[in-house]
Amino acid sequence: MATAPVLRREVISIYKELLNLGKEYPLGFSYFRPRLHAAFSKNAALSDENEIRKGIKRAEFVKKEIEAL
């Protein structure tokens, strides 16, 4: 599947972006990081391309919400 490496890069990229945003999170990075990790770990077993894309869209929404804080 040729799109798998592309999706993997997208997931890793949004994870890193959220981690960086978490450093400025009002409740602190120690609060933010475990929750981010848990959210991504919960979806680690996804293999359906459409489900992965939905997860990426959800992560991008969360990113925008955090930026708005």
PDB file of N, CA and C in Angstrom:
ATOM      1  N   MET A   1       0.844  -1.187   0.000  1.00  0.00           N
ATOM      2  CA  MET A   1       0.000   0.000   0.000  1.00  0.00           C
ATOM      3  C   MET A   1       0.889   1.250   0.000  1.00  0.00           C
ATOM      4  N   ALA A   2       0.802   2.009  -1.056  1.00  0.00           N
ATOM      5  CA  ALA A   2       1.697   3.156  -1.252  1.00  0.00           C
ATOM      6  C   ALA A   2       1.341   4.336  -0.345  1.00  0.00           C
ATOM      7  N   THR A   3       0.096   4.414   0.065  1.00  0.00           N
ATOM      8  CA  THR A   3      -0.308   5.563   0.873  1.00  0.00           C
ATOM      9  C   THR A   3       0.046   5.400   2.348  1.00  0.00           C
ATOM     10  N   ALA A   4       0.358   4.185   2.769  1.00  0.00           N
ATOM     11  CA  ALA A   4       0.663   3.943   4.185  1.00  0.00           C
ATOM     12  C   ALA A   4       1.826   4.800   4.695  1.00  0.00           C
ATOM     13  N   PRO A   5       2.969   4.856   3.982  1.00  0.00           N
ATOM     14  CA  PRO A   5       4.066   5.717   4.477  1.00  0.00           C
ATOM     15  C   PRO A   5       3.679   7.197   4.518  1.00  0.00           C
ATOM     16  N   VAL A   6       2.858   7.631   3.583  1.00  0.00           N
ATOM     17  CA  VAL A   6       2.416   9.022   3.548  1.00  0.00           C
ATOM     18  C   VAL A   6       1.537   9.313   4.763  1.00  0.00           C
ATOM     19  N   LEU A   7       0.602   8.413   5.041  1.00  0.00           N
ATOM     20  CA  LEU A   7      -0.272   8.597   6.203  1.00  0.00           C
ATOM     21  C   LEU A   7       0.535   8.552   7.495  1.00  0.00           C
ATOM     22  N   ARG A   8       1.497   7.654   7.560  1.00  0.00           N
ATOM     23  CA  ARG A   8       2.342   7.551   8.757  1.00  0.00           C
ATOM     24  C   ARG A   8       3.070   8.863   9.010  1.00  0.00           C
ATOM     25  N   ARG A   9       3.620   9.445   7.936  1.00  0.00           N
ATOM     26  CA  ARG A   9       4.315  10.734   8.072  1.00  0.00           C
ATOM     27  C   ARG A   9       3.363  11.820   8.546  1.00  0.00           C
ATOM     28  N   GLU A  10       2.140  11.816   8.011  1.00  0.00           N
ATOM     29  CA  GLU A  10       1.156  12.822   8.426  1.00  0.00           C
ATOM     30  C   GLU A  10       0.822  12.681   9.908  1.00  0.00           C
ATOM     31  N   VAL A  11       0.636  11.442  10.353  1.00  0.00           N
ATOM     32  CA  VAL A  11       0.300  11.198  11.760  1.00  0.00           C
ATOM     33  C   VAL A  11       1.450  11.650  12.658  1.00  0.00           C
ATOM     34  N   ILE A  12       2.665  11.276  12.305  1.00  0.00           N
ATOM     35  CA  ILE A  12       3.828  11.669  13.107  1.00  0.00           C
ATOM     36  C   ILE A  12       3.977  13.185  13.123  1.00  0.00           C
ATOM     37  N   SER A  13       3.743  13.806  11.985  1.00  0.00           N
ATOM     38  CA  SER A  13       3.869  15.256  11.885  1.00  0.00           C
ATOM     39  C   SER A  13       2.861  15.970  12.789  1.00  0.00           C
ATOM     40  N   ILE A  14       1.598  15.551  12.743  1.00  0.00           N
ATOM     41  CA  ILE A  14       0.585  16.216  13.575  1.00  0.00           C
ATOM     42  C   ILE A  14       0.843  15.929  15.050  1.00  0.00           C
ATOM     43  N   TYR A  15       1.355  14.740  15.361  1.00  0.00           N
ATOM     44  CA  TYR A  15       1.702  14.415  16.754  1.00  0.00           C
ATOM     45  C   TYR A  15       2.783  15.366  17.264  1.00  0.00           C
ATOM     46  N   LYS A  16       3.812  15.579  16.449  1.00  0.00           N
ATOM     47  CA  LYS A  16       4.907  16.480  16.842  1.00  0.00           C
ATOM     48  C   LYS A  16       4.413  17.914  16.988  1.00  0.00           C
ATOM     49  N   GLU A  17       3.545  18.349  16.077  1.00  0.00           N
ATOM     50  CA  GLU A  17       2.998  19.699  16.164  1.00  0.00           C
ATOM     51  C   GLU A  17       2.196  19.870  17.456  1.00  0.00           C
ATOM     52  N   LEU A  18       1.384  18.862  17.789  1.00  0.00           N
ATOM     53  CA  LEU A  18       0.593  18.934  19.017  1.00  0.00           C
ATOM     54  C   LEU A  18       1.495  18.907  20.250  1.00  0.00           C
ATOM     55  N   LEU A  19       2.550  18.106  20.205  1.00  0.00           N
ATOM     56  CA  LEU A  19       3.496  18.069  21.325  1.00  0.00           C
ATOM     57  C   LEU A  19       4.100  19.447  21.558  1.00  0.00           C
ATOM     58  N   ASN A  20       4.507  20.106  20.484  1.00  0.00           N
ATOM     59  CA  ASN A  20       5.082  21.445  20.613  1.00  0.00           C
ATOM     60  C   ASN A  20       4.060  22.439  21.158  1.00  0.00           C
ATOM     61  N   LEU A  21       2.820  22.347  20.709  1.00  0.00           N
ATOM     62  CA  LEU A  21       1.775  23.231  21.226  1.00  0.00           C
ATOM     63  C   LEU A  21       1.515  22.945  22.700  1.00  0.00           C
ATOM     64  N   GLY A  22       1.677  21.700  23.097  1.00  0.00           N
ATOM     65  CA  GLY A  22       1.435  21.302  24.481  1.00  0.00           C
ATOM     66  C   GLY A  22       2.372  21.958  25.463  1.00  0.00           C
ATOM     67  N   LYS A  23       3.514  22.394  24.990  1.00  0.00           N
ATOM     68  CA  LYS A  23       4.481  23.059  25.877  1.00  0.00           C
ATOM     69  C   LYS A  23       3.920  24.369  26.417  1.00  0.00           C
ATOM     70  N   GLU A  24       2.965  24.941  25.707  1.00  0.00           N
ATOM     71  CA  GLU A  24       2.354  26.206  26.116  1.00  0.00           C
ATOM     72  C   GLU A  24       0.939  25.999  26.680  1.00  0.00           C
ATOM     73  N   TYR A  25       0.548  24.742  26.852  1.00  0.00           N
ATOM     74  CA  TYR A  25      -0.809  24.435  27.320  1.00  0.00           C
ATOM     75  C   TYR A  25      -1.020  24.984  28.727  1.00  0.00           C
ATOM     76  N   PRO A  26      -2.181  25.607  28.981  1.00  0.00           N
ATOM     77  CA  PRO A  26      -2.414  26.255  30.283  1.00  0.00           C
ATOM     78  C   PRO A  26      -2.235  25.327  31.500  1.00  0.00           C
ATOM     79  N   LEU A  27      -2.621  24.079  31.382  1.00  0.00           N
ATOM     80  CA  LEU A  27      -2.509  23.164  32.522  1.00  0.00           C
ATOM     81  C   LEU A  27      -1.129  22.513  32.609  1.00  0.00           C
ATOM     82  N   GLY A  28      -0.268  22.838  31.671  1.00  0.00           N
ATOM     83  CA  GLY A  28       1.101  22.341  31.724  1.00  0.00           C
ATOM     84  C   GLY A  28       1.356  21.153  30.814  1.00  0.00           C
ATOM     85  N   PHE A  29       2.604  21.020  30.432  1.00  0.00           N
ATOM     86  CA  PHE A  29       3.026  19.952  29.529  1.00  0.00           C
ATOM     87  C   PHE A  29       2.875  18.584  30.195  1.00  0.00           C
ATOM     88  N   SER A  30       3.104  18.516  31.506  1.00  0.00           N
ATOM     89  CA  SER A  30       2.999  17.232  32.214  1.00  0.00           C
ATOM     90  C   SER A  30       1.549  16.739  32.248  1.00  0.00           C
ATOM     91  N   TYR A  31       0.593  17.624  32.100  1.00  0.00           N
ATOM     92  CA  TYR A  31      -0.818  17.262  31.999  1.00  0.00           C
ATOM     93  C   TYR A  31      -1.147  16.870  30.550  1.00  0.00           C
ATOM     94  N   PHE A  32      -0.609  17.625  29.615  1.00  0.00           N
ATOM     95  CA  PHE A  32      -0.964  17.499  28.207  1.00  0.00           C
ATOM     96  C   PHE A  32      -0.383  16.254  27.549  1.00  0.00           C
ATOM     97  N   ARG A  33       0.917  16.002  27.761  1.00  0.00           N
ATOM     98  CA  ARG A  33       1.615  14.940  27.042  1.00  0.00           C
ATOM     99  C   ARG A  33       1.013  13.550  27.253  1.00  0.00           C
ATOM    100  N   PRO A  34       0.742  13.125  28.494  1.00  0.00           N
ATOM    101  CA  PRO A  34       0.172  11.776  28.670  1.00  0.00           C
ATOM    102  C   PRO A  34      -1.186  11.610  27.980  1.00  0.00           C
ATOM    103  N   ARG A  35      -1.970  12.675  27.970  1.00  0.00           N
ATOM    104  CA  ARG A  35      -3.276  12.598  27.325  1.00  0.00           C
ATOM    105  C   ARG A  35      -3.142  12.533  25.804  1.00  0.00           C
ATOM    106  N   LEU A  36      -2.206  13.285  25.266  1.00  0.00           N
ATOM    107  CA  LEU A  36      -1.945  13.231  23.830  1.00  0.00           C
ATOM    108  C   LEU A  36      -1.470  11.838  23.453  1.00  0.00           C
ATOM    109  N   HIS A  37      -0.527  11.319  24.226  1.00  0.00           N
ATOM    110  CA  HIS A  37       0.021   9.988  23.964  1.00  0.00           C
ATOM    111  C   HIS A  37      -1.090   8.932  24.021  1.00  0.00           C
ATOM    112  N   ALA A  38      -1.953   9.028  25.016  1.00  0.00           N
ATOM    113  CA  ALA A  38      -3.048   8.064  25.167  1.00  0.00           C
ATOM    114  C   ALA A  38      -4.009   8.128  23.978  1.00  0.00           C
ATOM    115  N   ALA A  39      -4.304   9.334  23.523  1.00  0.00           N
ATOM    116  CA  ALA A  39      -5.222   9.492  22.392  1.00  0.00           C
ATOM    117  C   ALA A  39      -4.645   8.873  21.121  1.00  0.00           C
ATOM    118  N   PHE A  40      -3.361   9.081  20.894  1.00  0.00           N
ATOM    119  CA  PHE A  40      -2.739   8.514  19.703  1.00  0.00           C
ATOM    120  C   PHE A  40      -2.559   7.005  19.849  1.00  0.00           C
ATOM    121  N   SER A  41      -2.216   6.541  21.043  1.00  0.00           N
ATOM    122  CA  SER A  41      -2.035   5.104  21.282  1.00  0.00           C
ATOM    123  C   SER A  41      -3.347   4.349  21.087  1.00  0.00           C
ATOM    124  N   LYS A  42      -4.440   4.969  21.505  1.00  0.00           N
ATOM    125  CA  LYS A  42      -5.762   4.350  21.370  1.00  0.00           C
ATOM    126  C   LYS A  42      -6.080   4.039  19.904  1.00  0.00           C
ATOM    127  N   ASN A  43      -5.572   4.883  19.020  1.00  0.00           N
ATOM    128  CA  ASN A  43      -5.856   4.724  17.591  1.00  0.00           C
ATOM    129  C   ASN A  43      -4.709   4.090  16.815  1.00  0.00           C
ATOM    130  N   ALA A  44      -3.699   3.597  17.504  1.00  0.00           N
ATOM    131  CA  ALA A  44      -2.509   3.034  16.840  1.00  0.00           C
ATOM    132  C   ALA A  44      -2.831   1.806  16.009  1.00  0.00           C
ATOM    133  N   ALA A  45      -3.874   1.076  16.366  1.00  0.00           N
ATOM    134  CA  ALA A  45      -4.197  -0.157  15.658  1.00  0.00           C
ATOM    135  C   ALA A  45      -5.042   0.073  14.400  1.00  0.00           C
ATOM    136  N   LEU A  46      -5.404   1.307  14.138  1.00  0.00           N
ATOM    137  CA  LEU A  46      -6.209   1.581  12.942  1.00  0.00           C
ATOM    138  C   LEU A  46      -5.442   1.180  11.692  1.00  0.00           C
ATOM    139  N   SER A  47      -6.134   0.497  10.788  1.00  0.00           N
ATOM    140  CA  SER A  47      -5.481   0.113   9.544  1.00  0.00           C
ATOM    141  C   SER A  47      -6.252   0.596   8.318  1.00  0.00           C
ATOM    142  N   ASP A  48      -7.520   0.953   8.520  1.00  0.00           N
ATOM    143  CA  ASP A  48      -8.335   1.467   7.425  1.00  0.00           C
ATOM    144  C   ASP A  48      -7.919   2.900   7.105  1.00  0.00           C
ATOM    145  N   GLU A  49      -7.590   3.128   5.856  1.00  0.00           N
ATOM    146  CA  GLU A  49      -7.099   4.439   5.420  1.00  0.00           C
ATOM    147  C   GLU A  49      -8.081   5.562   5.750  1.00  0.00           C
ATOM    148  N   ASN A  50      -9.372   5.316   5.550  1.00  0.00           N
ATOM    149  CA  ASN A  50     -10.376   6.354   5.828  1.00  0.00           C
ATOM    150  C   ASN A  50     -10.439   6.684   7.313  1.00  0.00           C
ATOM    151  N   GLU A  51     -10.336   5.670   8.160  1.00  0.00           N
ATOM    152  CA  GLU A  51     -10.350   5.897   9.604  1.00  0.00           C
ATOM    153  C   GLU A  51      -9.121   6.694  10.042  1.00  0.00           C
ATOM    154  N   ILE A  52      -7.975   6.391   9.448  1.00  0.00           N
ATOM    155  CA  ILE A  52      -6.741   7.119   9.772  1.00  0.00           C
ATOM    156  C   ILE A  52      -6.888   8.576   9.366  1.00  0.00           C
ATOM    157  N   ARG A  53      -7.452   8.810   8.182  1.00  0.00           N
ATOM    158  CA  ARG A  53      -7.669  10.190   7.723  1.00  0.00           C
ATOM    159  C   ARG A  53      -8.628  10.940   8.648  1.00  0.00           C
ATOM    160  N   LYS A  54      -9.661  10.252   9.146  1.00  0.00           N
ATOM    161  CA  LYS A  54     -10.589  10.883  10.100  1.00  0.00           C
ATOM    162  C   LYS A  54      -9.839  11.260  11.370  1.00  0.00           C
ATOM    163  N   GLY A  55      -8.952  10.397  11.815  1.00  0.00           N
ATOM    164  CA  GLY A  55      -8.151  10.678  13.003  1.00  0.00           C
ATOM    165  C   GLY A  55      -7.254  11.883  12.802  1.00  0.00           C
ATOM    166  N   ILE A  56      -6.665  11.990  11.621  1.00  0.00           N
ATOM    167  CA  ILE A  56      -5.803  13.132  11.305  1.00  0.00           C
ATOM    168  C   ILE A  56      -6.632  14.415  11.311  1.00  0.00           C
ATOM    169  N   LYS A  57      -7.820  14.368  10.733  1.00  0.00           N
ATOM    170  CA  LYS A  57      -8.699  15.551  10.730  1.00  0.00           C
ATOM    171  C   LYS A  57      -9.081  15.951  12.157  1.00  0.00           C
ATOM    172  N   ARG A  58      -9.353  14.955  12.999  1.00  0.00           N
ATOM    173  CA  ARG A  58      -9.683  15.224  14.406  1.00  0.00           C
ATOM    174  C   ARG A  58      -8.500  15.888  15.105  1.00  0.00           C
ATOM    175  N   ALA A  59      -7.297  15.389  14.835  1.00  0.00           N
ATOM    176  CA  ALA A  59      -6.087  15.956  15.444  1.00  0.00           C
ATOM    177  C   ALA A  59      -5.868  17.390  14.974  1.00  0.00           C
ATOM    178  N   GLU A  60      -6.144  17.665  13.687  1.00  0.00           N
ATOM    179  CA  GLU A  60      -5.994  19.022  13.173  1.00  0.00           C
ATOM    180  C   GLU A  60      -7.012  19.960  13.825  1.00  0.00           C
ATOM    181  N   PHE A  61      -8.222  19.454  14.089  1.00  0.00           N
ATOM    182  CA  PHE A  61      -9.227  20.250  14.783  1.00  0.00           C
ATOM    183  C   PHE A  61      -8.749  20.597  16.194  1.00  0.00           C
ATOM    184  N   VAL A  62      -8.222  19.593  16.890  1.00  0.00           N
ATOM    185  CA  VAL A  62      -7.698  19.808  18.247  1.00  0.00           C
ATOM    186  C   VAL A  62      -6.562  20.826  18.216  1.00  0.00           C
ATOM    187  N   LYS A  63      -5.719  20.730  17.199  1.00  0.00           N
ATOM    188  CA  LYS A  63      -4.598  21.673  17.053  1.00  0.00           C
ATOM    189  C   LYS A  63      -5.125  23.105  16.952  1.00  0.00           C
ATOM    190  N   LYS A  64      -6.161  23.308  16.138  1.00  0.00           N
ATOM    191  CA  LYS A  64      -6.736  24.647  15.980  1.00  0.00           C
ATOM    192  C   LYS A  64      -7.349  25.135  17.289  1.00  0.00           C
ATOM    193  N   GLU A  65      -7.984  24.225  18.025  1.00  0.00           N
ATOM    194  CA  GLU A  65      -8.580  24.597  19.311  1.00  0.00           C
ATOM    195  C   GLU A  65      -7.504  25.028  20.312  1.00  0.00           C
ATOM    196  N   ILE A  66      -6.387  24.308  20.327  1.00  0.00           N
ATOM    197  CA  ILE A  66      -5.305  24.639  21.248  1.00  0.00           C
ATOM    198  C   ILE A  66      -4.672  25.976  20.861  1.00  0.00           C
ATOM    199  N   GLU A  67      -4.506  26.189  19.571  1.00  0.00           N
ATOM    200  CA  GLU A  67      -3.936  27.458  19.104  1.00  0.00           C
ATOM    201  C   GLU A  67      -4.823  28.630  19.504  1.00  0.00           C
ATOM    202  N   ALA A  68      -6.125  28.383  19.595  1.00  0.00           N
ATOM    203  CA  ALA A  68      -7.071  29.457  19.924  1.00  0.00           C
ATOM    204  C   ALA A  68      -7.031  29.823  21.417  1.00  0.00           C
ATOM    205  N   LEU A  69      -6.442  28.963  22.249  1.00  0.00           N
ATOM    206  CA  LEU A  69      -6.409  29.244  23.695  1.00  0.00           C
ATOM    207  C   LEU A  69      -5.587  30.460  24.024  1.00  0.00           C
TER     208      LEU A  69
END
